[in-house]
Amino acid sequence: MGAYTVGIIIGPDTTLRRSFDVGTRLTDSVGDRTDTVDGLLLETMLGRYVLDRSGRAVWLLIDGTRTVAEIAETVARTWPAEPGEAHAATLEFCNRLSELGLTRIVAGQAVSRASGDPGPVG
């Protein structure tokens, strides 16, 4: 699979790992933004991405062993949000991380946006 997985939709049964070429640093704040307290700064050769506290929590759970659904369950238990809302937000966030090339698919089902057909990955 290429560096970017644009056109792939990550599903709840997909297992992701962090890309090896992503550097991380803790952030107290970035510029005058206060929403980045306890966040992470992700750095690649192509860009920098700032994660807030909830993004950091998801990022740290992406370890190549948990499915997106398992990550969402953990998020739903630890954050003050409705379970359905936590699942949808986690799935959307994981898709975005994948589109940016910050994660890689280890196993599970992914759906091509072009074909709409699910297929095994990994």
PDB file of N, CA and C in Angstrom:
ATOM      1  N   MET A   1       0.849  -1.163   0.000  1.00  0.00           N
ATOM      2  CA  MET A   1       0.000   0.000   0.000  1.00  0.00           C
ATOM      3  C   MET A   1       0.894   1.224   0.000  1.00  0.00           C
ATOM      4  N   GLY A   2       0.516   2.265  -0.715  1.00  0.00           N
ATOM      5  CA  GLY A   2       1.317   3.466  -0.854  1.00  0.00           C
ATOM      6  C   GLY A   2       1.384   4.267   0.422  1.00  0.00           C
ATOM      7  N   ALA A   3       2.073   5.397   0.333  1.00  0.00           N
ATOM      8  CA  ALA A   3       2.251   6.258   1.493  1.00  0.00           C
ATOM      9  C   ALA A   3       0.927   6.823   1.975  1.00  0.00           C
ATOM     10  N   TYR A   4       0.005   7.050   1.059  1.00  0.00           N
ATOM     11  CA  TYR A   4      -1.280   7.610   1.427  1.00  0.00           C
ATOM     12  C   TYR A   4      -2.387   6.650   1.052  1.00  0.00           C
ATOM     13  N   THR A   5      -3.428   6.620   1.853  1.00  0.00           N
ATOM     14  CA  THR A   5      -4.543   5.724   1.586  1.00  0.00           C
ATOM     15  C   THR A   5      -5.784   6.528   1.239  1.00  0.00           C
ATOM     16  N   VAL A   6      -5.594   7.609   0.470  1.00  0.00           N
ATOM     17  CA  VAL A   6      -6.732   8.393   0.024  1.00  0.00           C
ATOM     18  C   VAL A   6      -7.613   7.494  -0.822  1.00  0.00           C
ATOM     19  N   GLY A   7      -8.907   7.569  -0.614  1.00  0.00           N
ATOM     20  CA  GLY A   7      -9.818   6.711  -1.362  1.00  0.00           C
ATOM     21  C   GLY A   7     -10.197   5.449  -0.613  1.00  0.00           C
ATOM     22  N   ILE A   8      -9.619   5.238   0.573  1.00  0.00           N
ATOM     23  CA  ILE A   8      -9.935   4.072   1.393  1.00  0.00           C
ATOM     24  C   ILE A   8     -10.735   4.546   2.600  1.00  0.00           C
ATOM     25  N   ILE A   9     -11.806   3.838   2.899  1.00  0.00           N
ATOM     26  CA  ILE A   9     -12.591   4.141   4.089  1.00  0.00           C
ATOM     27  C   ILE A   9     -12.276   3.086   5.141  1.00  0.00           C
ATOM     28  N   ILE A  10     -11.792   3.549   6.275  1.00  0.00           N
ATOM     29  CA  ILE A  10     -11.462   2.661   7.389  1.00  0.00           C
ATOM     30  C   ILE A  10     -12.768   2.241   8.057  1.00  0.00           C
ATOM     31  N   GLY A  11     -12.882   0.958   8.382  1.00  0.00           N
ATOM     32  CA  GLY A  11     -14.070   0.450   9.055  1.00  0.00           C
ATOM     33  C   GLY A  11     -13.796   0.128  10.503  1.00  0.00           C
ATOM     34  N   PRO A  12     -14.837  -0.188  11.281  1.00  0.00           N
ATOM     35  CA  PRO A  12     -14.672  -0.508  12.696  1.00  0.00           C
ATOM     36  C   PRO A  12     -13.779  -1.717  12.946  1.00  0.00           C
ATOM     37  N   ASP A  13     -13.716  -2.654  11.993  1.00  0.00           N
ATOM     38  CA  ASP A  13     -12.909  -3.860  12.172  1.00  0.00           C
ATOM     39  C   ASP A  13     -11.478  -3.707  11.667  1.00  0.00           C
ATOM     40  N   THR A  14     -11.127  -2.509  11.216  1.00  0.00           N
ATOM     41  CA  THR A  14      -9.777  -2.258  10.720  1.00  0.00           C
ATOM     42  C   THR A  14      -8.830  -2.072  11.894  1.00  0.00           C
ATOM     43  N   THR A  15      -7.646  -2.666  11.788  1.00  0.00           N
ATOM     44  CA  THR A  15      -6.588  -2.464  12.761  1.00  0.00           C
ATOM     45  C   THR A  15      -5.541  -1.564  12.126  1.00  0.00           C
ATOM     46  N   LEU A  16      -5.176  -0.515  12.842  1.00  0.00           N
ATOM     47  CA  LEU A  16      -4.203   0.449  12.342  1.00  0.00           C
ATOM     48  C   LEU A  16      -2.952   0.445  13.208  1.00  0.00           C
ATOM     49  N   ARG A  17      -1.855   0.884  12.608  1.00  0.00           N
ATOM     50  CA  ARG A  17      -0.638   1.158  13.372  1.00  0.00           C
ATOM     51  C   ARG A  17      -0.170   2.547  12.969  1.00  0.00           C
ATOM     52  N   ARG A  18       0.608   3.152  13.850  1.00  0.00           N
ATOM     53  CA  ARG A  18       1.176   4.454  13.530  1.00  0.00           C
ATOM     54  C   ARG A  18       2.276   4.273  12.489  1.00  0.00           C
ATOM     55  N   SER A  19       2.369   5.209  11.567  1.00  0.00           N
ATOM     56  CA  SER A  19       3.431   5.156  10.562  1.00  0.00           C
ATOM     57  C   SER A  19       4.775   5.353  11.248  1.00  0.00           C
ATOM     58  N   PHE A  20       5.782   4.644  10.771  1.00  0.00           N
ATOM     59  CA  PHE A  20       7.103   4.699  11.384  1.00  0.00           C
ATOM     60  C   PHE A  20       7.795   6.046  11.177  1.00  0.00           C
ATOM     61  N   ASP A  21       7.406   6.782  10.147  1.00  0.00           N
ATOM     62  CA  ASP A  21       8.077   8.041   9.838  1.00  0.00           C
ATOM     63  C   ASP A  21       7.420   9.259  10.482  1.00  0.00           C
ATOM     64  N   VAL A  22       6.573   9.038  11.477  1.00  0.00           N
ATOM     65  CA  VAL A  22       5.914  10.139  12.173  1.00  0.00           C
ATOM     66  C   VAL A  22       6.588  10.351  13.519  1.00  0.00           C
ATOM     67  N   GLY A  23       7.134  11.552  13.695  1.00  0.00           N
ATOM     68  CA  GLY A  23       7.713  11.923  14.978  1.00  0.00           C
ATOM     69  C   GLY A  23       6.646  12.571  15.843  1.00  0.00           C
ATOM     70  N   THR A  24       6.743  12.387  17.148  1.00  0.00           N
ATOM     71  CA  THR A  24       5.746  12.972  18.048  1.00  0.00           C
ATOM     72  C   THR A  24       6.431  13.741  19.164  1.00  0.00           C
ATOM     73  N   ARG A  25       5.780  14.829  19.573  1.00  0.00           N
ATOM     74  CA  ARG A  25       6.239  15.618  20.717  1.00  0.00           C
ATOM     75  C   ARG A  25       5.019  16.059  21.505  1.00  0.00           C
ATOM     76  N   LEU A  26       5.149  16.060  22.822  1.00  0.00           N
ATOM     77  CA  LEU A  26       4.084  16.578  23.667  1.00  0.00           C
ATOM     78  C   LEU A  26       3.973  18.079  23.461  1.00  0.00           C
ATOM     79  N   THR A  27       2.771  18.609  23.553  1.00  0.00           N
ATOM     80  CA  THR A  27       2.582  20.048  23.445  1.00  0.00           C
ATOM     81  C   THR A  27       1.868  20.564  24.674  1.00  0.00           C
ATOM     82  N   ASP A  28       2.349  21.666  25.191  1.00  0.00           N
ATOM     83  CA  ASP A  28       1.606  22.388  26.216  1.00  0.00           C
ATOM     84  C   ASP A  28       0.663  23.351  25.523  1.00  0.00           C
ATOM     85  N   SER A  29       1.151  23.916  24.449  1.00  0.00           N
ATOM     86  CA  SER A  29       0.320  24.789  23.626  1.00  0.00           C
ATOM     87  C   SER A  29       1.064  25.028  22.326  1.00  0.00           C
ATOM     88  N   VAL A  30       0.328  25.409  21.319  1.00  0.00           N
ATOM     89  CA  VAL A  30       0.917  25.750  20.032  1.00  0.00           C
ATOM     90  C   VAL A  30       0.463  27.166  19.722  1.00  0.00           C
ATOM     91  N   GLY A  31       1.407  28.083  19.713  1.00  0.00           N
ATOM     92  CA  GLY A  31       1.044  29.478  19.500  1.00  0.00           C
ATOM     93  C   GLY A  31       0.108  29.942  20.595  1.00  0.00           C
ATOM     94  N   ASP A  32      -0.970  30.587  20.215  1.00  0.00           N
ATOM     95  CA  ASP A  32      -1.926  31.074  21.195  1.00  0.00           C
ATOM     96  C   ASP A  32      -3.138  30.155  21.338  1.00  0.00           C
ATOM     97  N   ARG A  33      -3.053  28.945  20.762  1.00  0.00           N
ATOM     98  CA  ARG A  33      -4.158  27.992  20.867  1.00  0.00           C
ATOM     99  C   ARG A  33      -4.140  27.336  22.237  1.00  0.00           C
ATOM    100  N   THR A  34      -5.260  27.380  22.915  1.00  0.00           N
ATOM    101  CA  THR A  34      -5.351  26.751  24.234  1.00  0.00           C
ATOM    102  C   THR A  34      -5.957  25.360  24.157  1.00  0.00           C
ATOM    103  N   ASP A  35      -6.492  24.978  22.981  1.00  0.00           N
ATOM    104  CA  ASP A  35      -7.108  23.662  22.853  1.00  0.00           C
ATOM    105  C   ASP A  35      -6.082  22.553  22.657  1.00  0.00           C
ATOM    106  N   THR A  36      -4.806  22.893  22.694  1.00  0.00           N
ATOM    107  CA  THR A  36      -3.773  21.883  22.480  1.00  0.00           C
ATOM    108  C   THR A  36      -3.083  21.465  23.773  1.00  0.00           C
ATOM    109  N   VAL A  37      -3.568  21.931  24.921  1.00  0.00           N
ATOM    110  CA  VAL A  37      -2.995  21.514  26.192  1.00  0.00           C
ATOM    111  C   VAL A  37      -3.120  20.004  26.290  1.00  0.00           C
ATOM    112  N   ASP A  38      -2.039  19.350  26.681  1.00  0.00           N
ATOM    113  CA  ASP A  38      -1.966  17.889  26.761  1.00  0.00           C
ATOM    114  C   ASP A  38      -2.126  17.232  25.393  1.00  0.00           C
ATOM    115  N   GLY A  39      -1.814  17.943  24.360  1.00  0.00           N
ATOM    116  CA  GLY A  39      -1.925  17.400  23.008  1.00  0.00           C
ATOM    117  C   GLY A  39      -0.608  16.839  22.515  1.00  0.00           C
ATOM    118  N   LEU A  40      -0.573  16.541  21.230  1.00  0.00           N
ATOM    119  CA  LEU A  40       0.631  16.024  20.584  1.00  0.00           C
ATOM    120  C   LEU A  40       0.874  16.790  19.304  1.00  0.00           C
ATOM    121  N   LEU A  41       2.140  16.961  18.985  1.00  0.00           N
ATOM    122  CA  LEU A  41       2.543  17.495  17.699  1.00  0.00           C
ATOM    123  C   LEU A  41       3.102  16.324  16.908  1.00  0.00           C
ATOM    124  N   LEU A  42       2.485  16.025  15.763  1.00  0.00           N
ATOM    125  CA  LEU A  42       2.959  14.966  14.878  1.00  0.00           C
ATOM    126  C   LEU A  42       3.725  15.621  13.746  1.00  0.00           C
ATOM    127  N   GLU A  43       4.921  15.122  13.468  1.00  0.00           N
ATOM    128  CA  GLU A  43       5.740  15.701  12.421  1.00  0.00           C
ATOM    129  C   GLU A  43       6.164  14.642  11.418  1.00  0.00           C
ATOM    130  N   THR A  44       6.014  14.989  10.145  1.00  0.00           N
ATOM    131  CA  THR A  44       6.490  14.138   9.061  1.00  0.00           C
ATOM    132  C   THR A  44       7.342  15.002   8.153  1.00  0.00           C
ATOM    133  N   MET A  45       7.904  14.405   7.119  1.00  0.00           N
ATOM    134  CA  MET A  45       8.674  15.172   6.142  1.00  0.00           C
ATOM    135  C   MET A  45       7.763  16.148   5.386  1.00  0.00           C
ATOM    136  N   LEU A  46       6.483  15.848   5.326  1.00  0.00           N
ATOM    137  CA  LEU A  46       5.550  16.654   4.533  1.00  0.00           C
ATOM    138  C   LEU A  46       4.735  17.655   5.336  1.00  0.00           C
ATOM    139  N   GLY A  47       4.729  17.544   6.658  1.00  0.00           N
ATOM    140  CA  GLY A  47       3.919  18.482   7.410  1.00  0.00           C
ATOM    141  C   GLY A  47       3.912  18.226   8.901  1.00  0.00           C
ATOM    142  N   ARG A  48       3.255  19.140   9.589  1.00  0.00           N
ATOM    143  CA  ARG A  48       3.067  19.054  11.035  1.00  0.00           C
ATOM    144  C   ARG A  48       1.578  19.071  11.323  1.00  0.00           C
ATOM    145  N   TYR A  49       1.179  18.263  12.304  1.00  0.00           N
ATOM    146  CA  TYR A  49      -0.216  18.139  12.667  1.00  0.00           C
ATOM    147  C   TYR A  49      -0.332  18.222  14.180  1.00  0.00           C
ATOM    148  N   VAL A  50      -1.243  19.038  14.654  1.00  0.00           N
ATOM    149  CA  VAL A  50      -1.446  19.209  16.085  1.00  0.00           C
ATOM    150  C   VAL A  50      -2.699  18.454  16.496  1.00  0.00           C
ATOM    151  N   LEU A  51      -2.552  17.596  17.492  1.00  0.00           N
ATOM    152  CA  LEU A  51      -3.688  16.858  18.035  1.00  0.00           C
ATOM    153  C   LEU A  51      -4.048  17.439  19.390  1.00  0.00           C
ATOM    154  N   ASP A  52      -5.336  17.596  19.644  1.00  0.00           N
ATOM    155  CA  ASP A  52      -5.770  18.028  20.958  1.00  0.00           C
ATOM    156  C   ASP A  52      -5.765  16.825  21.901  1.00  0.00           C
ATOM    157  N   ARG A  53      -6.257  17.029  23.093  1.00  0.00           N
ATOM    158  CA  ARG A  53      -6.234  15.976  24.120  1.00  0.00           C
ATOM    159  C   ARG A  53      -6.953  14.708  23.666  1.00  0.00           C
ATOM    160  N   SER A  54      -8.115  14.844  23.038  1.00  0.00           N
ATOM    161  CA  SER A  54      -8.847  13.650  22.604  1.00  0.00           C
ATOM    162  C   SER A  54      -8.150  12.984  21.420  1.00  0.00           C
ATOM    163  N   GLY A  55      -7.590  13.777  20.514  1.00  0.00           N
ATOM    164  CA  GLY A  55      -6.821  13.201  19.412  1.00  0.00           C
ATOM    165  C   GLY A  55      -5.604  12.448  19.912  1.00  0.00           C
ATOM    166  N   ARG A  56      -4.963  13.006  20.925  1.00  0.00           N
ATOM    167  CA  ARG A  56      -3.807  12.331  21.537  1.00  0.00           C
ATOM    168  C   ARG A  56      -4.216  10.980  22.111  1.00  0.00           C
ATOM    169  N   ALA A  57      -5.368  10.945  22.804  1.00  0.00           N
ATOM    170  CA  ALA A  57      -5.828   9.692  23.406  1.00  0.00           C
ATOM    171  C   ALA A  57      -6.019   8.620  22.343  1.00  0.00           C
ATOM    172  N   VAL A  58      -6.640   8.986  21.222  1.00  0.00           N
ATOM    173  CA  VAL A  58      -6.842   8.026  20.138  1.00  0.00           C
ATOM    174  C   VAL A  58      -5.504   7.617  19.545  1.00  0.00           C
ATOM    175  N   TRP A  59      -4.633   8.579  19.275  1.00  0.00           N
ATOM    176  CA  TRP A  59      -3.322   8.301  18.682  1.00  0.00           C
ATOM    177  C   TRP A  59      -2.553   7.275  19.513  1.00  0.00           C
ATOM    178  N   LEU A  60      -2.564   7.450  20.820  1.00  0.00           N
ATOM    179  CA  LEU A  60      -1.819   6.535  21.687  1.00  0.00           C
ATOM    180  C   LEU A  60      -2.418   5.134  21.729  1.00  0.00           C
ATOM    181  N   LEU A  61      -3.699   5.012  21.401  1.00  0.00           N
ATOM    182  CA  LEU A  61      -4.339   3.693  21.361  1.00  0.00           C
ATOM    183  C   LEU A  61      -4.110   2.967  20.030  1.00  0.00           C
ATOM    184  N   ILE A  62      -3.663   3.686  19.017  1.00  0.00           N
ATOM    185  CA  ILE A  62      -3.367   3.071  17.716  1.00  0.00           C
ATOM    186  C   ILE A  62      -2.006   2.403  17.835  1.00  0.00           C
ATOM    187  N   ASP A  63      -2.037   1.087  18.036  1.00  0.00           N
ATOM    188  CA  ASP A  63      -0.798   0.366  18.323  1.00  0.00           C
ATOM    189  C   ASP A  63      -0.591  -0.881  17.465  1.00  0.00           C
ATOM    190  N   GLY A  64      -1.461  -1.082  16.488  1.00  0.00           N
ATOM    191  CA  GLY A  64      -1.316  -2.249  15.627  1.00  0.00           C
ATOM    192  C   GLY A  64      -1.981  -3.496  16.167  1.00  0.00           C
ATOM    193  N   THR A  65      -2.581  -3.410  17.350  1.00  0.00           N
ATOM    194  CA  THR A  65      -3.256  -4.582  17.920  1.00  0.00           C
ATOM    195  C   THR A  65      -4.749  -4.353  18.118  1.00  0.00           C
ATOM    196  N   ARG A  66      -5.147  -3.109  18.295  1.00  0.00           N
ATOM    197  CA  ARG A  66      -6.557  -2.790  18.543  1.00  0.00           C
ATOM    198  C   ARG A  66      -7.264  -2.427  17.242  1.00  0.00           C
ATOM    199  N   THR A  67      -8.520  -2.843  17.130  1.00  0.00           N
ATOM    200  CA  THR A  67      -9.327  -2.404  15.993  1.00  0.00           C
ATOM    201  C   THR A  67      -9.842  -0.995  16.283  1.00  0.00           C
ATOM    202  N   VAL A  68     -10.338  -0.342  15.256  1.00  0.00           N
ATOM    203  CA  VAL A  68     -10.927   0.984  15.438  1.00  0.00           C
ATOM    204  C   VAL A  68     -12.104   0.893  16.409  1.00  0.00           C
ATOM    205  N   ALA A  69     -12.888  -0.170  16.342  1.00  0.00           N
ATOM    206  CA  ALA A  69     -14.016  -0.352  17.263  1.00  0.00           C
ATOM    207  C   ALA A  69     -13.539  -0.460  18.711  1.00  0.00           C
ATOM    208  N   GLU A  70     -12.454  -1.173  18.936  1.00  0.00           N
ATOM    209  CA  GLU A  70     -11.916  -1.296  20.296  1.00  0.00           C
ATOM    210  C   GLU A  70     -11.399   0.045  20.805  1.00  0.00           C
ATOM    211  N   ILE A  71     -10.764   0.805  19.937  1.00  0.00           N
ATOM    212  CA  ILE A  71     -10.301   2.139  20.307  1.00  0.00           C
ATOM    213  C   ILE A  71     -11.501   3.012  20.657  1.00  0.00           C
ATOM    214  N   ALA A  72     -12.546   2.949  19.842  1.00  0.00           N
ATOM    215  CA  ALA A  72     -13.753   3.742  20.075  1.00  0.00           C
ATOM    216  C   ALA A  72     -14.414   3.362  21.397  1.00  0.00           C
ATOM    217  N   GLU A  73     -14.409   2.069  21.742  1.00  0.00           N
ATOM    218  CA  GLU A  73     -14.974   1.621  23.022  1.00  0.00           C
ATOM    219  C   GLU A  73     -14.218   2.242  24.190  1.00  0.00           C
ATOM    220  N   THR A  74     -12.905   2.269  24.097  1.00  0.00           N
ATOM    221  CA  THR A  74     -12.085   2.865  25.153  1.00  0.00           C
ATOM    222  C   THR A  74     -12.368   4.359  25.253  1.00  0.00           C
ATOM    223  N   VAL A  75     -12.436   5.019  24.117  1.00  0.00           N
ATOM    224  CA  VAL A  75     -12.738   6.450  24.104  1.00  0.00           C
ATOM    225  C   VAL A  75     -14.111   6.704  24.721  1.00  0.00           C
ATOM    226  N   ALA A  76     -15.084   5.904  24.360  1.00  0.00           N
ATOM    227  CA  ALA A  76     -16.449   6.075  24.876  1.00  0.00           C
ATOM    228  C   ALA A  76     -16.507   5.909  26.395  1.00  0.00           C
ATOM    229  N   ARG A  77     -15.660   5.040  26.937  1.00  0.00           N
ATOM    230  CA  ARG A  77     -15.641   4.819  28.393  1.00  0.00           C
ATOM    231  C   ARG A  77     -14.928   5.937  29.139  1.00  0.00           C
ATOM    232  N   THR A  78     -13.992   6.610  28.489  1.00  0.00           N
ATOM    233  CA  THR A  78     -13.146   7.568  29.199  1.00  0.00           C
ATOM    234  C   THR A  78     -13.464   9.030  28.920  1.00  0.00           C
ATOM    235  N   TRP A  79     -14.264   9.313  27.903  1.00  0.00           N
ATOM    236  CA  TRP A  79     -14.574  10.695  27.568  1.00  0.00           C
ATOM    237  C   TRP A  79     -16.063  10.949  27.754  1.00  0.00           C
ATOM    238  N   PRO A  80     -16.412  12.164  28.166  1.00  0.00           N
ATOM    239  CA  PRO A  80     -17.826  12.500  28.398  1.00  0.00           C
ATOM    240  C   PRO A  80     -18.576  12.742  27.082  1.00  0.00           C
ATOM    241  N   ALA A  81     -18.899  11.673  26.416  1.00  0.00           N
ATOM    242  CA  ALA A  81     -19.654  11.753  25.160  1.00  0.00           C
ATOM    243  C   ALA A  81     -20.559  10.535  25.078  1.00  0.00           C
ATOM    244  N   GLU A  82     -21.599  10.656  24.299  1.00  0.00           N
ATOM    245  CA  GLU A  82     -22.471   9.513  24.054  1.00  0.00           C
ATOM    246  C   GLU A  82     -21.676   8.446  23.303  1.00  0.00           C
ATOM    247  N   PRO A  83     -21.892   7.150  23.593  1.00  0.00           N
ATOM    248  CA  PRO A  83     -21.131   6.093  22.919  1.00  0.00           C
ATOM    249  C   PRO A  83     -21.203   6.174  21.391  1.00  0.00           C
ATOM    250  N   GLY A  84     -22.375   6.408  20.841  1.00  0.00           N
ATOM    251  CA  GLY A  84     -22.506   6.500  19.386  1.00  0.00           C
ATOM    252  C   GLY A  84     -21.706   7.660  18.819  1.00  0.00           C
ATOM    253  N   GLU A  85     -21.703   8.761  19.540  1.00  0.00           N
ATOM    254  CA  GLU A  85     -20.950   9.946  19.130  1.00  0.00           C
ATOM    255  C   GLU A  85     -19.448   9.672  19.185  1.00  0.00           C
ATOM    256  N   ALA A  86     -19.004   8.999  20.251  1.00  0.00           N
ATOM    257  CA  ALA A  86     -17.583   8.655  20.390  1.00  0.00           C
ATOM    258  C   ALA A  86     -17.143   7.703  19.283  1.00  0.00           C
ATOM    259  N   HIS A  87     -17.980   6.733  18.946  1.00  0.00           N
ATOM    260  CA  HIS A  87     -17.648   5.783  17.879  1.00  0.00           C
ATOM    261  C   HIS A  87     -17.527   6.497  16.539  1.00  0.00           C
ATOM    262  N   ALA A  88     -18.492   7.351  16.231  1.00  0.00           N
ATOM    263  CA  ALA A  88     -18.474   8.069  14.948  1.00  0.00           C
ATOM    264  C   ALA A  88     -17.273   8.998  14.856  1.00  0.00           C
ATOM    265  N   ALA A  89     -16.978   9.719  15.937  1.00  0.00           N
ATOM    266  CA  ALA A  89     -15.848  10.649  15.934  1.00  0.00           C
ATOM    267  C   ALA A  89     -14.528   9.902  15.807  1.00  0.00           C
ATOM    268  N   THR A  90     -14.397   8.772  16.494  1.00  0.00           N
ATOM    269  CA  THR A  90     -13.164   7.983  16.419  1.00  0.00           C
ATOM    270  C   THR A  90     -12.972   7.426  15.019  1.00  0.00           C
ATOM    271  N   LEU A  91     -14.017   6.917  14.424  1.00  0.00           N
ATOM    272  CA  LEU A  91     -13.940   6.376  13.069  1.00  0.00           C
ATOM    273  C   LEU A  91     -13.543   7.469  12.077  1.00  0.00           C
ATOM    274  N   GLU A  92     -14.177   8.621  12.193  1.00  0.00           N
ATOM    275  CA  GLU A  92     -13.850   9.746  11.306  1.00  0.00           C
ATOM    276  C   GLU A  92     -12.395  10.178  11.485  1.00  0.00           C
ATOM    277  N   PHE A  93     -11.955  10.275  12.730  1.00  0.00           N
ATOM    278  CA  PHE A  93     -10.582  10.684  13.023  1.00  0.00           C
ATOM    279  C   PHE A  93      -9.578   9.677  12.472  1.00  0.00           C
ATOM    280  N   CYS A  94      -9.843   8.392  12.649  1.00  0.00           N
ATOM    281  CA  CYS A  94      -8.942   7.356  12.128  1.00  0.00           C
ATOM    282  C   CYS A  94      -8.880   7.401  10.604  1.00  0.00           C
ATOM    283  N   ASN A  95      -9.997   7.665   9.960  1.00  0.00           N
ATOM    284  CA  ASN A  95      -9.998   7.826   8.506  1.00  0.00           C
ATOM    285  C   ASN A  95      -9.125   8.999   8.102  1.00  0.00           C
ATOM    286  N   ARG A  96      -9.234  10.098   8.813  1.00  0.00           N
ATOM    287  CA  ARG A  96      -8.424  11.281   8.481  1.00  0.00           C
ATOM    288  C   ARG A  96      -6.939  11.004   8.684  1.00  0.00           C
ATOM    289  N   LEU A  97      -6.592  10.345   9.778  1.00  0.00           N
ATOM    290  CA  LEU A  97      -5.186   9.995  10.007  1.00  0.00           C
ATOM    291  C   LEU A  97      -4.647   9.130   8.871  1.00  0.00           C
ATOM    292  N   SER A  98      -5.464   8.190   8.413  1.00  0.00           N
ATOM    293  CA  SER A  98      -5.065   7.316   7.320  1.00  0.00           C
ATOM    294  C   SER A  98      -4.895   8.102   6.021  1.00  0.00           C
ATOM    295  N   GLU A  99      -5.844   8.998   5.744  1.00  0.00           N
ATOM    296  CA  GLU A  99      -5.756   9.817   4.532  1.00  0.00           C
ATOM    297  C   GLU A  99      -4.498  10.665   4.515  1.00  0.00           C
ATOM    298  N   LEU A 100      -4.057  11.124   5.683  1.00  0.00           N
ATOM    299  CA  LEU A 100      -2.864  11.949   5.779  1.00  0.00           C
ATOM    300  C   LEU A 100      -1.574  11.127   5.763  1.00  0.00           C
ATOM    301  N   GLY A 101      -1.710   9.802   5.756  1.00  0.00           N
ATOM    302  CA  GLY A 101      -0.534   8.937   5.748  1.00  0.00           C
ATOM    303  C   GLY A 101       0.125   8.790   7.102  1.00  0.00           C
ATOM    304  N   LEU A 102      -0.597   9.139   8.178  1.00  0.00           N
ATOM    305  CA  LEU A 102      -0.038   9.064   9.519  1.00  0.00           C
ATOM    306  C   LEU A 102      -0.204   7.690  10.146  1.00  0.00           C
ATOM    307  N   THR A 103      -1.089   6.878   9.569  1.00  0.00           N
ATOM    308  CA  THR A 103      -1.279   5.505  10.033  1.00  0.00           C
ATOM    309  C   THR A 103      -1.241   4.567   8.843  1.00  0.00           C
ATOM    310  N   ARG A 104      -1.080   3.303   9.138  1.00  0.00           N
ATOM    311  CA  ARG A 104      -1.099   2.256   8.123  1.00  0.00           C
ATOM    312  C   ARG A 104      -2.096   1.192   8.553  1.00  0.00           C
ATOM    313  N   ILE A 105      -2.719   0.558   7.576  1.00  0.00           N
ATOM    314  CA  ILE A 105      -3.666  -0.516   7.852  1.00  0.00           C
ATOM    315  C   ILE A 105      -2.885  -1.805   8.078  1.00  0.00           C
ATOM    316  N   VAL A 106      -3.158  -2.453   9.201  1.00  0.00           N
ATOM    317  CA  VAL A 106      -2.508  -3.720   9.528  1.00  0.00           C
ATOM    318  C   VAL A 106      -3.390  -4.879   9.075  1.00  0.00           C
ATOM    319  N   ALA A 107      -4.675  -4.806   9.392  1.00  0.00           N
ATOM    320  CA  ALA A 107      -5.602  -5.889   9.042  1.00  0.00           C
ATOM    321  C   ALA A 107      -7.025  -5.366   9.120  1.00  0.00           C
ATOM    322  N   GLY A 108      -7.934  -6.125   8.532  1.00  0.00           N
ATOM    323  CA  GLY A 108      -9.341  -5.788   8.623  1.00  0.00           C
ATOM    324  C   GLY A 108      -9.928  -5.438   7.281  1.00  0.00           C
ATOM    325  N   GLN A 109     -11.117  -4.890   7.320  1.00  0.00           N
ATOM    326  CA  GLN A 109     -11.841  -4.517   6.112  1.00  0.00           C
ATOM    327  C   GLN A 109     -11.665  -3.030   5.842  1.00  0.00           C
ATOM    328  N   ALA A 110     -11.453  -2.712   4.594  1.00  0.00           N
ATOM    329  CA  ALA A 110     -11.443  -1.327   4.146  1.00  0.00           C
ATOM    330  C   ALA A 110     -12.297  -1.274   2.900  1.00  0.00           C
ATOM    331  N   VAL A 111     -12.911  -0.151   2.657  1.00  0.00           N
ATOM    332  CA  VAL A 111     -13.782   0.012   1.495  1.00  0.00           C
ATOM    333  C   VAL A 111     -13.195   1.086   0.606  1.00  0.00           C
ATOM    334  N   SER A 112     -13.066   0.781  -0.669  1.00  0.00           N
ATOM    335  CA  SER A 112     -12.613   1.766  -1.633  1.00  0.00           C
ATOM    336  C   SER A 112     -13.732   2.750  -1.892  1.00  0.00           C
ATOM    337  N   ARG A 113     -13.422   4.035  -1.803  1.00  0.00           N
ATOM    338  CA  ARG A 113     -14.434   5.054  -2.072  1.00  0.00           C
ATOM    339  C   ARG A 113     -14.906   4.975  -3.515  1.00  0.00           C
ATOM    340  N   ALA A 114     -14.030   4.535  -4.405  1.00  0.00           N
ATOM    341  CA  ALA A 114     -14.377   4.463  -5.825  1.00  0.00           C
ATOM    342  C   ALA A 114     -15.343   3.315  -6.112  1.00  0.00           C
ATOM    343  N   SER A 115     -15.030   2.138  -5.563  1.00  0.00           N
ATOM    344  CA  SER A 115     -15.835   0.966  -5.896  1.00  0.00           C
ATOM    345  C   SER A 115     -16.960   0.699  -4.913  1.00  0.00           C
ATOM    346  N   GLY A 116     -16.720   1.095  -3.648  1.00  0.00           N
ATOM    347  CA  GLY A 116     -17.708   0.800  -2.611  1.00  0.00           C
ATOM    348  C   GLY A 116     -17.659  -0.645  -2.167  1.00  0.00           C
ATOM    349  N   ASP A 117     -16.714  -1.425  -2.707  1.00  0.00           N
ATOM    350  CA  ASP A 117     -16.618  -2.842  -2.364  1.00  0.00           C
ATOM    351  C   ASP A 117     -15.631  -3.038  -1.211  1.00  0.00           C
ATOM    352  N   PRO A 118     -16.060  -3.736  -0.152  1.00  0.00           N
ATOM    353  CA  PRO A 118     -15.117  -4.027   0.929  1.00  0.00           C
ATOM    354  C   PRO A 118     -14.138  -5.104   0.478  1.00  0.00           C
ATOM    355  N   GLY A 119     -12.970  -5.040   1.032  1.00  0.00           N
ATOM    356  CA  GLY A 119     -11.989  -6.064   0.725  1.00  0.00           C
ATOM    357  C   GLY A 119     -11.017  -6.203   1.862  1.00  0.00           C
ATOM    358  N   PRO A 120     -10.466  -7.380   2.047  1.00  0.00           N
ATOM    359  CA  PRO A 120      -9.503  -7.564   3.135  1.00  0.00           C
ATOM    360  C   PRO A 120      -8.239  -6.784   2.856  1.00  0.00           C
ATOM    361  N   VAL A 121      -7.650  -6.298   3.911  1.00  0.00           N
ATOM    362  CA  VAL A 121      -6.416  -5.540   3.818  1.00  0.00           C
ATOM    363  C   VAL A 121      -5.438  -6.135   4.814  1.00  0.00           C
ATOM    364  N   GLY A 122      -4.163  -6.132   4.465  1.00  0.00           N
ATOM    365  CA  GLY A 122      -3.147  -6.549   5.416  1.00  0.00           C
ATOM    366  C   GLY A 122      -2.622  -7.900   5.213  1.00  0.00           C
TER     367      GLY A 122
END
